[in-house]
Protein backbone atom coordinates (compact mmCIF):
# COMPACT_ATOMS: atom_id res chain seq x y z
CA UNK A 1 108.73 117.85 98.41
CA UNK A 2 109.62 116.71 101.93
CA UNK A 3 106.94 116.47 104.58
CA UNK A 4 108.57 119.36 106.45
CA UNK A 5 108.27 121.44 103.29
CA UNK A 6 104.65 120.37 102.95
CA UNK A 7 104.06 121.54 106.52
CA UNK A 8 105.78 124.85 105.80
CA UNK A 9 103.61 125.37 102.69
CA UNK A 10 100.50 124.64 104.74
CA UNK A 11 101.51 127.23 107.34
CA UNK A 12 102.13 129.81 104.62
CA UNK A 13 98.75 129.00 103.07
CA UNK A 14 96.61 129.08 106.23
CA UNK A 15 98.62 131.08 108.74
CA UNK A 16 97.30 131.36 112.28
CA UNK A 17 94.04 133.29 112.00
CA UNK A 18 91.90 130.43 113.25
CA UNK A 19 88.68 132.25 112.40
CA UNK A 20 89.67 132.14 108.73
CA UNK A 21 91.08 128.62 108.40
CA UNK A 22 88.64 126.39 106.46
CA UNK A 23 88.00 123.50 108.83
CA UNK A 24 86.61 121.25 106.09
CA UNK A 25 89.84 121.54 104.11
CA UNK A 26 91.92 120.62 107.18
CA UNK A 27 89.66 117.63 107.84
CA UNK A 28 89.92 116.50 104.21
CA UNK A 29 93.71 116.79 104.26
CA UNK A 30 93.92 114.85 107.52
CA UNK A 31 91.63 112.10 106.23
CA UNK A 32 93.85 111.79 103.14
CA UNK A 33 96.98 111.51 105.28
CA UNK A 34 95.44 108.86 107.52
CA UNK A 35 94.17 106.86 104.54
CA UNK A 36 97.40 107.10 102.56
CA UNK A 37 100.05 107.45 105.25
CA UNK A 38 103.53 108.13 103.92
CA UNK A 39 106.49 107.36 106.19
CA UNK A 40 107.96 110.55 107.58
CA UNK A 41 104.76 112.61 107.47
CA UNK A 42 104.40 112.82 111.24
CA UNK A 43 105.14 116.56 111.33
CA UNK A 44 102.59 117.30 108.62
CA UNK A 45 99.93 115.22 110.40
CA UNK A 46 100.80 116.94 113.70
CA UNK A 47 100.27 120.33 112.07
CA UNK A 48 96.88 119.30 110.67
CA UNK A 49 95.83 117.97 114.09
CA UNK A 50 97.07 121.14 115.74
CA UNK A 51 95.00 123.24 113.38
CA UNK A 52 91.93 121.18 114.27
CA UNK A 53 92.66 121.63 117.96
CA UNK A 54 93.04 125.38 117.57
CA UNK A 55 89.75 125.56 115.68
CA UNK A 56 88.28 124.11 118.86
CA UNK A 57 85.39 121.93 117.75
CA UNK A 58 84.78 119.03 120.13
CA UNK A 59 83.23 117.05 117.27
CA UNK A 60 86.79 116.63 115.92
CA UNK A 61 87.98 114.63 118.94
CA UNK A 62 87.39 111.25 117.22
CA UNK A 63 89.43 112.33 114.19
CA UNK A 64 92.28 113.56 116.40
CA UNK A 65 92.19 110.26 118.27
CA UNK A 66 92.20 108.34 115.01
CA UNK A 67 95.27 110.24 113.82
CA UNK A 68 97.03 109.76 117.16
CA UNK A 69 96.24 106.11 117.76
CA UNK A 70 95.65 104.41 114.40
CA UNK A 71 98.69 105.12 112.23
CA UNK A 72 101.86 104.24 114.12
CA UNK A 73 103.87 105.11 117.21
CA UNK A 74 105.80 107.93 115.52
CA UNK A 75 102.62 109.78 114.61
CA UNK A 76 101.10 108.92 117.97
CA UNK A 77 104.00 110.58 119.73
CA UNK A 78 103.73 113.70 117.56
CA UNK A 79 100.01 114.35 118.13
CA UNK A 80 99.68 115.86 121.59
CA UNK A 81 97.26 114.02 123.87
CA UNK A 82 96.97 117.36 125.68
CA UNK A 83 95.06 118.70 122.66
CA UNK A 84 92.53 115.88 122.93
CA UNK A 85 92.23 116.21 126.71
CA UNK A 86 91.83 119.97 126.43
CA UNK A 87 89.01 119.66 123.91
CA UNK A 88 87.34 117.08 126.13
CA UNK A 89 87.50 119.30 129.22
CA UNK A 90 86.52 122.55 127.55
CA UNK A 91 90.02 124.05 127.56
CA UNK A 92 90.29 124.30 131.33
CA UNK A 93 93.73 124.07 132.90
CA UNK A 94 94.16 120.90 134.96
CA UNK A 95 97.03 118.93 136.49
CA UNK A 96 98.31 117.59 133.15
CA UNK A 97 96.62 120.01 130.75
CA UNK A 98 97.60 123.63 130.18
CA UNK A 99 94.96 126.24 129.47
CA UNK A 100 93.61 126.34 125.94
CA UNK A 101 95.15 129.78 125.41
CA UNK A 102 98.56 128.55 126.51
CA UNK A 103 98.39 125.48 124.27
CA UNK A 104 97.43 127.60 121.25
CA UNK A 105 100.15 130.13 122.03
CA UNK A 106 102.72 127.31 122.19
CA UNK A 107 101.46 125.78 118.92
CA UNK A 108 101.65 129.12 117.08
CA UNK A 109 105.10 129.89 118.49
CA UNK A 110 106.48 126.51 117.38
CA UNK A 111 105.04 126.68 113.89
CA UNK A 112 105.91 130.34 113.27
CA UNK A 113 109.54 129.38 113.87
CA UNK A 114 109.04 126.25 111.75
CA UNK A 115 107.72 128.32 108.81
CA UNK A 116 110.53 130.85 109.15
CA UNK A 117 113.04 127.99 108.97
CA UNK A 118 111.21 126.89 105.80
CA UNK A 119 110.33 123.51 107.27
CA UNK A 120 113.76 122.24 107.98
């Protein structure tokens, strides 16, 4: 299964009802990806990080930073620093950070299309 297909399966499994997504499962999956990084899994890692951002717990900032900065440049480019900055500032719109609602709306829009395309 390609990493795009893995991402598509994850979207189909969890959807976008962020009140129902089990945070602990997302964290476990992300830890596994960081520990056993497979080339080409940037999209899958981005999706996991996006889910964590949308769940909105500031205690996840270190894990998002670890995913962004510790694997490689490809993953680092895929994980939006805006998500980290938004969590740090409480979701307030600033010069280089959109509002939390706008970021979530953009994330959902991108991944709804991604799932409909069946991950590539």
